[in-house]
Amino acid sequence: MTDPARHHDAIPTPAERAMLNAALLATGADSGFWDEHGRPAPWPDDIEEWRPVTSETNDSQPGEQPF
């Protein structure tokens, strides 16, 4: 099972993802991921390759309010 020392936001290992995905299919639980139709989806296989966005684009003109 999961190591209790792992942070709760840590990406599960492939074995853990397989277990979580099987539980999702069996119980209809929410994985936190959704398909293109808005239905709960299993953990993506390429989750280790995802990188966070570290900056937001600034599309405003000089002197323009941001909102």
PDB file of N, CA and C in Angstrom:
ATOM      1  N   MET A   1       0.841  -1.183   0.000  1.00  0.00           N
ATOM      2  CA  MET A   1       0.000   0.000   0.000  1.00  0.00           C
ATOM      3  C   MET A   1       0.880   1.237   0.000  1.00  0.00           C
ATOM      4  N   THR A   2       0.307   2.374   0.241  1.00  0.00           N
ATOM      5  CA  THR A   2       1.027   3.626   0.178  1.00  0.00           C
ATOM      6  C   THR A   2       1.857   3.861   1.432  1.00  0.00           C
ATOM      7  N   ASP A   3       3.060   4.373   1.251  1.00  0.00           N
ATOM      8  CA  ASP A   3       3.942   4.713   2.362  1.00  0.00           C
ATOM      9  C   ASP A   3       3.360   5.932   3.085  1.00  0.00           C
ATOM     10  N   PRO A   4       3.077   5.862   4.384  1.00  0.00           N
ATOM     11  CA  PRO A   4       2.469   6.994   5.083  1.00  0.00           C
ATOM     12  C   PRO A   4       3.353   8.221   5.123  1.00  0.00           C
ATOM     13  N   ALA A   5       4.654   8.069   4.898  1.00  0.00           N
ATOM     14  CA  ALA A   5       5.556   9.214   4.909  1.00  0.00           C
ATOM     15  C   ALA A   5       5.438  10.048   3.645  1.00  0.00           C
ATOM     16  N   ARG A   6       4.812   9.481   2.597  1.00  0.00           N
ATOM     17  CA  ARG A   6       4.666  10.233   1.345  1.00  0.00           C
ATOM     18  C   ARG A   6       3.694  11.375   1.534  1.00  0.00           C
ATOM     19  N   HIS A   7       3.962  12.474   0.895  1.00  0.00           N
ATOM     20  CA  HIS A   7       3.093  13.644   0.941  1.00  0.00           C
ATOM     21  C   HIS A   7       1.782  13.307   0.256  1.00  0.00           C
ATOM     22  N   HIS A   8       0.673  13.833   0.749  1.00  0.00           N
ATOM     23  CA  HIS A   8      -0.637  13.487   0.199  1.00  0.00           C
ATOM     24  C   HIS A   8      -0.821  13.942  -1.242  1.00  0.00           C
ATOM     25  N   ASP A   9      -0.031  14.896  -1.723  1.00  0.00           N
ATOM     26  CA  ASP A   9      -0.135  15.357  -3.106  1.00  0.00           C
ATOM     27  C   ASP A   9       0.863  14.672  -4.031  1.00  0.00           C
ATOM     28  N   ALA A  10       1.618  13.699  -3.510  1.00  0.00           N
ATOM     29  CA  ALA A  10       2.627  13.017  -4.316  1.00  0.00           C
ATOM     30  C   ALA A  10       1.953  12.190  -5.409  1.00  0.00           C
ATOM     31  N   ILE A  11       2.624  12.065  -6.520  1.00  0.00           N
ATOM     32  CA  ILE A  11       2.118  11.252  -7.625  1.00  0.00           C
ATOM     33  C   ILE A  11       2.265   9.784  -7.249  1.00  0.00           C
ATOM     34  N   PRO A  12       1.178   9.022  -7.352  1.00  0.00           N
ATOM     35  CA  PRO A  12       1.281   7.595  -7.014  1.00  0.00           C
ATOM     36  C   PRO A  12       2.196   6.861  -7.987  1.00  0.00           C
ATOM     37  N   THR A  13       2.795   5.781  -7.515  1.00  0.00           N
ATOM     38  CA  THR A  13       3.620   4.950  -8.382  1.00  0.00           C
ATOM     39  C   THR A  13       2.723   4.268  -9.405  1.00  0.00           C
ATOM     40  N   PRO A  14       3.294   3.704 -10.484  1.00  0.00           N
ATOM     41  CA  PRO A  14       2.459   2.992 -11.457  1.00  0.00           C
ATOM     42  C   PRO A  14       1.611   1.888 -10.822  1.00  0.00           C
ATOM     43  N   ALA A  15       2.175   1.154  -9.860  1.00  0.00           N
ATOM     44  CA  ALA A  15       1.408   0.095  -9.192  1.00  0.00           C
ATOM     45  C   ALA A  15       0.258   0.685  -8.381  1.00  0.00           C
ATOM     46  N   GLU A  16       0.532   1.804  -7.695  1.00  0.00           N
ATOM     47  CA  GLU A  16      -0.520   2.467  -6.926  1.00  0.00           C
ATOM     48  C   GLU A  16      -1.605   3.016  -7.845  1.00  0.00           C
ATOM     49  N   ARG A  17      -1.197   3.574  -8.998  1.00  0.00           N
ATOM     50  CA  ARG A  17      -2.183   4.088  -9.958  1.00  0.00           C
ATOM     51  C   ARG A  17      -3.067   2.969 -10.467  1.00  0.00           C
ATOM     52  N   ALA A  18      -2.473   1.803 -10.745  1.00  0.00           N
ATOM     53  CA  ALA A  18      -3.271   0.668 -11.216  1.00  0.00           C
ATOM     54  C   ALA A  18      -4.288   0.269 -10.156  1.00  0.00           C
ATOM     55  N   MET A  19      -3.869   0.265  -8.883  1.00  0.00           N
ATOM     56  CA  MET A  19      -4.781  -0.071  -7.798  1.00  0.00           C
ATOM     57  C   MET A  19      -5.884   0.987  -7.669  1.00  0.00           C
ATOM     58  N   LEU A  20      -5.510   2.257  -7.754  1.00  0.00           N
ATOM     59  CA  LEU A  20      -6.492   3.333  -7.661  1.00  0.00           C
ATOM     60  C   LEU A  20      -7.467   3.300  -8.836  1.00  0.00           C
ATOM     61  N   ASN A  21      -6.948   3.029 -10.033  1.00  0.00           N
ATOM     62  CA  ASN A  21      -7.811   2.957 -11.211  1.00  0.00           C
ATOM     63  C   ASN A  21      -8.776   1.781 -11.113  1.00  0.00           C
ATOM     64  N   ALA A  22      -8.326   0.646 -10.573  1.00  0.00           N
ATOM     65  CA  ALA A  22      -9.212  -0.508 -10.384  1.00  0.00           C
ATOM     66  C   ALA A  22     -10.303  -0.161  -9.373  1.00  0.00           C
ATOM     67  N   ALA A  23      -9.942   0.565  -8.313  1.00  0.00           N
ATOM     68  CA  ALA A  23     -10.933   0.982  -7.320  1.00  0.00           C
ATOM     69  C   ALA A  23     -11.924   1.965  -7.950  1.00  0.00           C
ATOM     70  N   LEU A  24     -11.439   2.839  -8.812  1.00  0.00           N
ATOM     71  CA  LEU A  24     -12.314   3.786  -9.502  1.00  0.00           C
ATOM     72  C   LEU A  24     -13.358   3.039 -10.321  1.00  0.00           C
ATOM     73  N   LEU A  25     -12.919   2.049 -11.069  1.00  0.00           N
ATOM     74  CA  LEU A  25     -13.851   1.281 -11.891  1.00  0.00           C
ATOM     75  C   LEU A  25     -14.836   0.492 -11.040  1.00  0.00           C
ATOM     76  N   ALA A  26     -14.378  -0.030  -9.913  1.00  0.00           N
ATOM     77  CA  ALA A  26     -15.235  -0.864  -9.063  1.00  0.00           C
ATOM     78  C   ALA A  26     -16.242  -0.047  -8.264  1.00  0.00           C
ATOM     79  N   THR A  27     -15.850   1.153  -7.847  1.00  0.00           N
ATOM     80  CA  THR A  27     -16.707   1.917  -6.929  1.00  0.00           C
ATOM     81  C   THR A  27     -17.265   3.196  -7.529  1.00  0.00           C
ATOM     82  N   GLY A  28     -16.724   3.628  -8.660  1.00  0.00           N
ATOM     83  CA  GLY A  28     -17.160   4.898  -9.232  1.00  0.00           C
ATOM     84  C   GLY A  28     -16.581   6.095  -8.500  1.00  0.00           C
ATOM     85  N   ALA A  29     -15.507   5.871  -7.724  1.00  0.00           N
ATOM     86  CA  ALA A  29     -14.876   6.956  -6.968  1.00  0.00           C
ATOM     87  C   ALA A  29     -14.269   7.990  -7.920  1.00  0.00           C
ATOM     88  N   ASP A  30     -14.027   9.162  -7.391  1.00  0.00           N
ATOM     89  CA  ASP A  30     -13.481  10.260  -8.184  1.00  0.00           C
ATOM     90  C   ASP A  30     -11.963  10.300  -8.053  1.00  0.00           C
ATOM     91  N   SER A  31     -11.245  10.231  -9.196  1.00  0.00           N
ATOM     92  CA  SER A  31      -9.788  10.249  -9.181  1.00  0.00           C
ATOM     93  C   SER A  31      -9.223  11.662  -9.168  1.00  0.00           C
ATOM     94  N   GLY A  32     -10.051  12.651  -9.482  1.00  0.00           N
ATOM     95  CA  GLY A  32      -9.571  14.019  -9.631  1.00  0.00           C
ATOM     96  C   GLY A  32      -9.237  14.344 -11.075  1.00  0.00           C
ATOM     97  N   PHE A  33      -9.394  13.377 -11.971  1.00  0.00           N
ATOM     98  CA  PHE A  33      -9.183  13.573 -13.403  1.00  0.00           C
ATOM     99  C   PHE A  33     -10.495  13.294 -14.119  1.00  0.00           C
ATOM    100  N   TRP A  34     -10.736  14.022 -15.209  1.00  0.00           N
ATOM    101  CA  TRP A  34     -11.970  13.844 -15.960  1.00  0.00           C
ATOM    102  C   TRP A  34     -11.661  13.724 -17.441  1.00  0.00           C
ATOM    103  N   ASP A  35     -12.511  12.973 -18.157  1.00  0.00           N
ATOM    104  CA  ASP A  35     -12.317  12.830 -19.595  1.00  0.00           C
ATOM    105  C   ASP A  35     -12.934  14.034 -20.313  1.00  0.00           C
ATOM    106  N   GLU A  36     -12.889  14.019 -21.645  1.00  0.00           N
ATOM    107  CA  GLU A  36     -13.377  15.152 -22.429  1.00  0.00           C
ATOM    108  C   GLU A  36     -14.881  15.353 -22.309  1.00  0.00           C
ATOM    109  N   HIS A  37     -15.593  14.396 -21.722  1.00  0.00           N
ATOM    110  CA  HIS A  37     -17.038  14.507 -21.533  1.00  0.00           C
ATOM    111  C   HIS A  37     -17.401  14.868 -20.093  1.00  0.00           C
ATOM    112  N   GLY A  38     -16.399  15.124 -19.241  1.00  0.00           N
ATOM    113  CA  GLY A  38     -16.632  15.508 -17.865  1.00  0.00           C
ATOM    114  C   GLY A  38     -16.870  14.356 -16.915  1.00  0.00           C
ATOM    115  N   ARG A  39     -16.632  13.138 -17.370  1.00  0.00           N
ATOM    116  CA  ARG A  39     -16.805  11.964 -16.508  1.00  0.00           C
ATOM    117  C   ARG A  39     -15.497  11.661 -15.788  1.00  0.00           C
ATOM    118  N   PRO A  40     -15.590  11.109 -14.545  1.00  0.00           N
ATOM    119  CA  PRO A  40     -14.355  10.730 -13.851  1.00  0.00           C
ATOM    120  C   PRO A  40     -13.520   9.784 -14.717  1.00  0.00           C
ATOM    121  N   ALA A  41     -12.218  10.012 -14.715  1.00  0.00           N
ATOM    122  CA  ALA A  41     -11.301   9.214 -15.529  1.00  0.00           C
ATOM    123  C   ALA A  41     -10.186   8.678 -14.643  1.00  0.00           C
ATOM    124  N   PRO A  42      -9.520   7.607 -15.069  1.00  0.00           N
ATOM    125  CA  PRO A  42      -8.401   7.075 -14.287  1.00  0.00           C
ATOM    126  C   PRO A  42      -7.186   7.993 -14.347  1.00  0.00           C
ATOM    127  N   TRP A  43      -6.230   7.687 -13.469  1.00  0.00           N
ATOM    128  CA  TRP A  43      -4.974   8.431 -13.491  1.00  0.00           C
ATOM    129  C   TRP A  43      -4.319   8.274 -14.861  1.00  0.00           C
ATOM    130  N   PRO A  44      -3.778   9.360 -15.435  1.00  0.00           N
ATOM    131  CA  PRO A  44      -3.087   9.257 -16.723  1.00  0.00           C
ATOM    132  C   PRO A  44      -1.768   8.498 -16.597  1.00  0.00           C
ATOM    133  N   ASP A  45      -1.437   7.726 -17.630  1.00  0.00           N
ATOM    134  CA  ASP A  45      -0.195   6.958 -17.620  1.00  0.00           C
ATOM    135  C   ASP A  45       1.046   7.844 -17.683  1.00  0.00           C
ATOM    136  N   ASP A  46       0.919   9.043 -18.247  1.00  0.00           N
ATOM    137  CA  ASP A  46       2.081   9.922 -18.424  1.00  0.00           C
ATOM    138  C   ASP A  46       2.183  10.996 -17.346  1.00  0.00           C
ATOM    139  N   ILE A  47       1.586  10.773 -16.177  1.00  0.00           N
ATOM    140  CA  ILE A  47       1.560  11.785 -15.124  1.00  0.00           C
ATOM    141  C   ILE A  47       2.967  12.200 -14.680  1.00  0.00           C
ATOM    142  N   GLU A  48       3.944  11.288 -14.716  1.00  0.00           N
ATOM    143  CA  GLU A  48       5.307  11.652 -14.307  1.00  0.00           C
ATOM    144  C   GLU A  48       5.939  12.661 -15.257  1.00  0.00           C
ATOM    145  N   GLU A  49       5.421  12.782 -16.470  1.00  0.00           N
ATOM    146  CA  GLU A  49       5.985  13.700 -17.454  1.00  0.00           C
ATOM    147  C   GLU A  49       5.354  15.084 -17.390  1.00  0.00           C
ATOM    148  N   TRP A  50       4.306  15.242 -16.613  1.00  0.00           N
ATOM    149  CA  TRP A  50       3.636  16.537 -16.504  1.00  0.00           C
ATOM    150  C   TRP A  50       4.531  17.513 -15.768  1.00  0.00           C
ATOM    151  N   ARG A  51       4.533  18.743 -16.197  1.00  0.00           N
ATOM    152  CA  ARG A  51       5.302  19.797 -15.543  1.00  0.00           C
ATOM    153  C   ARG A  51       4.347  20.934 -15.194  1.00  0.00           C
ATOM    154  N   PRO A  52       4.486  21.503 -13.995  1.00  0.00           N
ATOM    155  CA  PRO A  52       3.594  22.604 -13.618  1.00  0.00           C
ATOM    156  C   PRO A  52       3.895  23.862 -14.421  1.00  0.00           C
ATOM    157  N   VAL A  53       2.869  24.653 -14.615  1.00  0.00           N
ATOM    158  CA  VAL A  53       3.037  25.955 -15.250  1.00  0.00           C
ATOM    159  C   VAL A  53       3.580  26.876 -14.170  1.00  0.00           C
ATOM    160  N   THR A  54       4.695  27.516 -14.445  1.00  0.00           N
ATOM    161  CA  THR A  54       5.337  28.335 -13.424  1.00  0.00           C
ATOM    162  C   THR A  54       5.084  29.820 -13.589  1.00  0.00           C
ATOM    163  N   SER A  55       4.471  30.221 -14.676  1.00  0.00           N
ATOM    164  CA  SER A  55       4.161  31.638 -14.850  1.00  0.00           C
ATOM    165  C   SER A  55       2.888  31.785 -15.672  1.00  0.00           C
ATOM    166  N   GLU A  56       2.250  32.913 -15.500  1.00  0.00           N
ATOM    167  CA  GLU A  56       1.054  33.212 -16.272  1.00  0.00           C
ATOM    168  C   GLU A  56       1.404  34.280 -17.292  1.00  0.00           C
ATOM    169  N   THR A  57       0.746  34.219 -18.430  1.00  0.00           N
ATOM    170  CA  THR A  57       0.991  35.236 -19.442  1.00  0.00           C
ATOM    171  C   THR A  57       0.312  36.527 -19.037  1.00  0.00           C
ATOM    172  N   ASN A  58       0.906  37.626 -19.396  1.00  0.00           N
ATOM    173  CA  ASN A  58       0.337  38.939 -19.129  1.00  0.00           C
ATOM    174  C   ASN A  58      -0.046  39.546 -20.465  1.00  0.00           C
ATOM    175  N   ASP A  59      -1.347  39.482 -20.768  1.00  0.00           N
ATOM    176  CA  ASP A  59      -1.823  39.978 -22.068  1.00  0.00           C
ATOM    177  C   ASP A  59      -2.314  41.416 -22.007  1.00  0.00           C
ATOM    178  N   SER A  60      -2.189  42.091 -20.853  1.00  0.00           N
ATOM    179  CA  SER A  60      -2.689  43.454 -20.752  1.00  0.00           C
ATOM    180  C   SER A  60      -1.680  44.431 -21.350  1.00  0.00           C
ATOM    181  N   GLN A  61      -2.218  45.543 -21.786  1.00  0.00           N
ATOM    182  CA  GLN A  61      -1.398  46.626 -22.339  1.00  0.00           C
ATOM    183  C   GLN A  61      -0.916  47.515 -21.212  1.00  0.00           C
ATOM    184  N   PRO A  62       0.167  48.281 -21.391  1.00  0.00           N
ATOM    185  CA  PRO A  62       0.652  49.166 -20.341  1.00  0.00           C
ATOM    186  C   PRO A  62      -0.467  50.117 -19.894  1.00  0.00           C
ATOM    187  N   GLY A  63      -0.661  50.237 -18.579  1.00  0.00           N
ATOM    188  CA  GLY A  63      -1.683  51.111 -18.009  1.00  0.00           C
ATOM    189  C   GLY A  63      -3.059  50.486 -17.931  1.00  0.00           C
ATOM    190  N   GLU A  64      -3.235  49.308 -18.521  1.00  0.00           N
ATOM    191  CA  GLU A  64      -4.527  48.630 -18.513  1.00  0.00           C
ATOM    192  C   GLU A  64      -4.679  47.806 -17.232  1.00  0.00           C
ATOM    193  N   GLN A  65      -5.886  47.790 -16.679  1.00  0.00           N
ATOM    194  CA  GLN A  65      -6.150  47.022 -15.474  1.00  0.00           C
ATOM    195  C   GLN A  65      -6.091  45.530 -15.817  1.00  0.00           C
ATOM    196  N   PRO A  66      -5.585  44.679 -14.920  1.00  0.00           N
ATOM    197  CA  PRO A  66      -5.451  43.259 -15.230  1.00  0.00           C
ATOM    198  C   PRO A  66      -6.777  42.519 -15.312  1.00  0.00           C
ATOM    199  N   PHE A  67      -7.856  43.057 -14.760  1.00  0.00           N
ATOM    200  CA  PHE A  67      -9.147  42.370 -14.786  1.00  0.00           C
ATOM    201  C   PHE A  67     -10.202  43.190 -15.461  1.00  0.00           C
TER     202      PHE A  67
END
